[in-house]
């Protein structure tokens, strides 16, 4: 215990001697290190924040639900497909449904537009026959 107390007693004296012995090169080096740290620190904090958020999201996504059997000590492997497989299959299924809906809508709209054009042409022809002959 005496050695730890001695170290704490020597800290002010050692710090004072270190500062007194600094040369111009030492001061410039110290200032450069402090300024570089102050400039880089915000970017390091953002990088750490992003990596922490990614790790948190991964932990949340891979978190398994706890069932009563798990609490009792009976752990059974689920026969259901993995979450990623379900997401992949559901996204392909959803895309097929969206494509079919688009085709159905485009087909219905196309038929309505063709019918409207035919009606317009018939009206134009009737108008021309009536007034031009």
C-alpha atoms as a PDB file:
ATOM      1  CA  UNK A   1       0.000   0.000   0.000  1.00  0.00           C
ATOM      2  CA  UNK A   2       2.854   2.311   0.637  1.00  0.00           C
ATOM      3  CA  UNK A   3       3.987   2.115  -2.978  1.00  0.00           C
ATOM      4  CA  UNK A   4       0.586   3.271  -4.315  1.00  0.00           C
ATOM      5  CA  UNK A   5       0.582   6.205  -1.886  1.00  0.00           C
ATOM      6  CA  UNK A   6       4.101   7.108  -2.997  1.00  0.00           C
ATOM      7  CA  UNK A   7       3.044   7.067  -6.665  1.00  0.00           C
ATOM      8  CA  UNK A   8       0.142   9.433  -5.991  1.00  0.00           C
ATOM      9  CA  UNK A   9       2.482  11.715  -4.004  1.00  0.00           C
ATOM     10  CA  UNK A  10       4.974  11.828  -6.905  1.00  0.00           C
ATOM     11  CA  UNK A  11       2.401  12.650  -9.628  1.00  0.00           C
ATOM     12  CA  UNK A  12       2.393  16.471  -9.160  1.00  0.00           C
ATOM     13  CA  UNK A  13       6.212  16.628  -8.933  1.00  0.00           C
ATOM     14  CA  UNK A  14       6.715  14.416 -12.015  1.00  0.00           C
ATOM     15  CA  UNK A  15       4.118  16.367 -14.043  1.00  0.00           C
ATOM     16  CA  UNK A  16       5.746  19.690 -13.142  1.00  0.00           C
ATOM     17  CA  UNK A  17       9.211  18.428 -14.108  1.00  0.00           C
ATOM     18  CA  UNK A  18       7.901  17.009 -17.423  1.00  0.00           C
ATOM     19  CA  UNK A  19       6.320  20.318 -18.385  1.00  0.00           C
ATOM     20  CA  UNK A  20       9.469  22.265 -17.427  1.00  0.00           C
ATOM     21  CA  UNK A  21      11.686  19.987 -19.552  1.00  0.00           C
ATOM     22  CA  UNK A  22       9.581  20.372 -22.727  1.00  0.00           C
ATOM     23  CA  UNK A  23      11.420  21.938 -25.640  1.00  0.00           C
ATOM     24  CA  UNK A  24       9.841  23.836 -28.518  1.00  0.00           C
ATOM     25  CA  UNK A  25       9.649  20.577 -30.491  1.00  0.00           C
ATOM     26  CA  UNK A  26       7.980  18.862 -27.524  1.00  0.00           C
ATOM     27  CA  UNK A  27       5.387  21.663 -27.175  1.00  0.00           C
ATOM     28  CA  UNK A  28       4.614  21.594 -30.891  1.00  0.00           C
ATOM     29  CA  UNK A  29       4.255  17.829 -30.773  1.00  0.00           C
ATOM     30  CA  UNK A  30       1.940  18.013 -27.748  1.00  0.00           C
ATOM     31  CA  UNK A  31      -0.217  20.709 -29.373  1.00  0.00           C
ATOM     32  CA  UNK A  32      -0.394  18.740 -32.644  1.00  0.00           C
ATOM     33  CA  UNK A  33      -1.513  15.599 -30.814  1.00  0.00           C
ATOM     34  CA  UNK A  34      -4.225  17.463 -28.875  1.00  0.00           C
ATOM     35  CA  UNK A  35      -5.550  19.277 -31.958  1.00  0.00           C
ATOM     36  CA  UNK A  36      -5.573  16.090 -34.025  1.00  0.00           C
ATOM     37  CA  UNK A  37      -7.510  14.326 -31.270  1.00  0.00           C
ATOM     38  CA  UNK A  38     -10.039  17.159 -31.052  1.00  0.00           C
ATOM     39  CA  UNK A  39     -10.554  17.147 -34.817  1.00  0.00           C
ATOM     40  CA  UNK A  40     -10.808  13.361 -35.215  1.00  0.00           C
ATOM     41  CA  UNK A  41     -12.863  12.615 -32.081  1.00  0.00           C
ATOM     42  CA  UNK A  42     -16.327  13.474 -33.545  1.00  0.00           C
ATOM     43  CA  UNK A  43     -15.729  11.151 -36.482  1.00  0.00           C
ATOM     44  CA  UNK A  44     -14.579   8.373 -34.176  1.00  0.00           C
ATOM     45  CA  UNK A  45     -17.693   8.830 -32.024  1.00  0.00           C
ATOM     46  CA  UNK A  46     -19.953   8.626 -35.107  1.00  0.00           C
ATOM     47  CA  UNK A  47     -18.139   5.508 -36.307  1.00  0.00           C
ATOM     48  CA  UNK A  48     -18.515   3.864 -32.913  1.00  0.00           C
ATOM     49  CA  UNK A  49     -22.197   4.853 -32.825  1.00  0.00           C
ATOM     50  CA  UNK A  50     -22.836   3.286 -36.245  1.00  0.00           C
ATOM     51  CA  UNK A  51     -21.078   0.063 -35.327  1.00  0.00           C
ATOM     52  CA  UNK A  52     -22.969  -0.099 -32.033  1.00  0.00           C
ATOM     53  CA  UNK A  53     -26.312   0.458 -33.800  1.00  0.00           C
ATOM     54  CA  UNK A  54     -25.478  -2.242 -36.359  1.00  0.00           C
ATOM     55  CA  UNK A  55     -24.594  -4.675 -33.585  1.00  0.00           C
ATOM     56  CA  UNK A  56     -27.794  -3.777 -31.732  1.00  0.00           C
ATOM     57  CA  UNK A  57     -29.962  -4.258 -34.835  1.00  0.00           C
ATOM     58  CA  UNK A  58     -28.290  -7.585 -35.541  1.00  0.00           C
ATOM     59  CA  UNK A  59     -28.911  -8.694 -31.961  1.00  0.00           C
ATOM     60  CA  UNK A  60     -32.557  -7.635 -32.179  1.00  0.00           C
ATOM     61  CA  UNK A  61     -33.057  -9.384 -35.523  1.00  0.00           C
ATOM     62  CA  UNK A  62     -31.494 -12.634 -34.377  1.00  0.00           C
ATOM     63  CA  UNK A  63     -33.245 -12.660 -30.996  1.00  0.00           C
ATOM     64  CA  UNK A  64     -35.310 -15.794 -30.568  1.00  0.00           C
ATOM     65  CA  UNK A  65     -38.588 -15.672 -28.712  1.00  0.00           C
ATOM     66  CA  UNK A  66     -38.679 -17.476 -25.400  1.00  0.00           C
ATOM     67  CA  UNK A  67     -41.331 -20.165 -25.183  1.00  0.00           C
ATOM     68  CA  UNK A  68     -42.666 -21.755 -22.003  1.00  0.00           C
ATOM     69  CA  UNK A  69     -40.924 -25.007 -22.913  1.00  0.00           C
ATOM     70  CA  UNK A  70     -37.595 -23.174 -23.047  1.00  0.00           C
ATOM     71  CA  UNK A  71     -38.206 -21.847 -19.547  1.00  0.00           C
ATOM     72  CA  UNK A  72     -38.898 -25.392 -18.371  1.00  0.00           C
ATOM     73  CA  UNK A  73     -35.646 -26.581 -19.923  1.00  0.00           C
ATOM     74  CA  UNK A  74     -37.109 -28.387 -22.956  1.00  0.00           C
ATOM     75  CA  UNK A  75     -35.417 -26.737 -25.871  1.00  0.00           C
ATOM     76  CA  UNK A  76     -36.645 -27.927 -29.231  1.00  0.00           C
ATOM     77  CA  UNK A  77     -35.291 -26.790 -32.536  1.00  0.00           C
ATOM     78  CA  UNK A  78     -38.023 -25.125 -34.564  1.00  0.00           C
ATOM     79  CA  UNK A  79     -39.064 -26.833 -37.797  1.00  0.00           C
ATOM     80  CA  UNK A  80     -39.948 -23.463 -39.294  1.00  0.00           C
ATOM     81  CA  UNK A  81     -37.603 -21.977 -41.867  1.00  0.00           C
ATOM     82  CA  UNK A  82     -35.168 -19.296 -40.878  1.00  0.00           C
ATOM     83  CA  UNK A  83     -36.345 -15.702 -40.762  1.00  0.00           C
ATOM     84  CA  UNK A  84     -34.187 -14.814 -43.773  1.00  0.00           C
ATOM     85  CA  UNK A  85     -35.667 -17.663 -45.813  1.00  0.00           C
ATOM     86  CA  UNK A  86     -39.175 -16.559 -44.923  1.00  0.00           C
ATOM     87  CA  UNK A  87     -38.337 -12.964 -45.817  1.00  0.00           C
ATOM     88  CA  UNK A  88     -36.799 -14.030 -49.132  1.00  0.00           C
ATOM     89  CA  UNK A  89     -39.723 -16.247 -50.079  1.00  0.00           C
ATOM     90  CA  UNK A  90     -42.306 -13.682 -48.966  1.00  0.00           C
ATOM     91  CA  UNK A  91     -40.590 -10.926 -50.899  1.00  0.00           C
ATOM     92  CA  UNK A  92     -40.546 -13.015 -54.081  1.00  0.00           C
ATOM     93  CA  UNK A  93     -44.181 -13.973 -53.481  1.00  0.00           C
ATOM     94  CA  UNK A  94     -45.082 -10.333 -52.889  1.00  0.00           C
ATOM     95  CA  UNK A  95     -43.258  -9.249 -56.024  1.00  0.00           C
ATOM     96  CA  UNK A  96     -45.174 -11.853 -58.065  1.00  0.00           C
ATOM     97  CA  UNK A  97     -48.458 -10.566 -56.650  1.00  0.00           C
ATOM     98  CA  UNK A  98     -47.510  -6.950 -57.395  1.00  0.00           C
ATOM     99  CA  UNK A  99     -46.549  -7.891 -60.961  1.00  0.00           C
ATOM    100  CA  UNK A 100     -49.885  -9.670 -61.481  1.00  0.00           C
ATOM    101  CA  UNK A 101     -51.787  -6.696 -60.092  1.00  0.00           C
ATOM    102  CA  UNK A 102     -49.911  -4.312 -62.384  1.00  0.00           C
ATOM    103  CA  UNK A 103     -50.642  -6.510 -65.391  1.00  0.00           C
ATOM    104  CA  UNK A 104     -54.308  -6.743 -64.467  1.00  0.00           C
ATOM    105  CA  UNK A 105     -54.576  -2.992 -63.962  1.00  0.00           C
ATOM    106  CA  UNK A 106     -52.657  -2.253 -67.163  1.00  0.00           C
ATOM    107  CA  UNK A 107     -54.890  -4.695 -69.055  1.00  0.00           C
ATOM    108  CA  UNK A 108     -58.094  -3.157 -67.668  1.00  0.00           C
ATOM    109  CA  UNK A 109     -56.899   0.391 -68.273  1.00  0.00           C
ATOM    110  CA  UNK A 110     -55.704  -0.535 -71.757  1.00  0.00           C
ATOM    111  CA  UNK A 111     -59.098  -2.021 -72.644  1.00  0.00           C
ATOM    112  CA  UNK A 112     -60.919   1.042 -71.315  1.00  0.00           C
ATOM    113  CA  UNK A 113     -58.646   3.389 -73.260  1.00  0.00           C
ATOM    114  CA  UNK A 114     -59.034   1.366 -76.466  1.00  0.00           C
ATOM    115  CA  UNK A 115     -62.801   1.375 -76.048  1.00  0.00           C
ATOM    116  CA  UNK A 116     -62.787   5.135 -75.406  1.00  0.00           C
ATOM    117  CA  UNK A 117     -60.676   5.702 -78.520  1.00  0.00           C
ATOM    118  CA  UNK A 118     -63.051   3.591 -80.592  1.00  0.00           C
ATOM    119  CA  UNK A 119     -66.004   5.590 -79.247  1.00  0.00           C
ATOM    120  CA  UNK A 120     -64.208   8.856 -80.028  1.00  0.00           C
ATOM    121  CA  UNK A 121     -63.411   7.697 -83.563  1.00  0.00           C
ATOM    122  CA  UNK A 122     -67.031   6.645 -84.113  1.00  0.00           C
ATOM    123  CA  UNK A 123     -68.244  10.038 -82.918  1.00  0.00           C
ATOM    124  CA  UNK A 124     -65.700  11.798 -85.148  1.00  0.00           C
ATOM    125  CA  UNK A 125     -66.751   9.766 -88.181  1.00  0.00           C
ATOM    126  CA  UNK A 126     -70.445  10.429 -87.469  1.00  0.00           C
ATOM    127  CA  UNK A 127     -69.761  14.152 -87.109  1.00  0.00           C
ATOM    128  CA  UNK A 128     -67.799  14.266 -90.362  1.00  0.00           C
ATOM    129  CA  UNK A 129     -70.489  12.311 -92.249  1.00  0.00           C
ATOM    130  CA  UNK A 130     -73.198  14.568 -90.901  1.00  0.00           C
ATOM    131  CA  UNK A 131     -71.613  17.917 -91.698  1.00  0.00           C
ATOM    132  CA  UNK A 132     -69.307  17.147 -94.626  1.00  0.00           C
ATOM    133  CA  UNK A 133     -71.671  15.361 -96.997  1.00  0.00           C
END
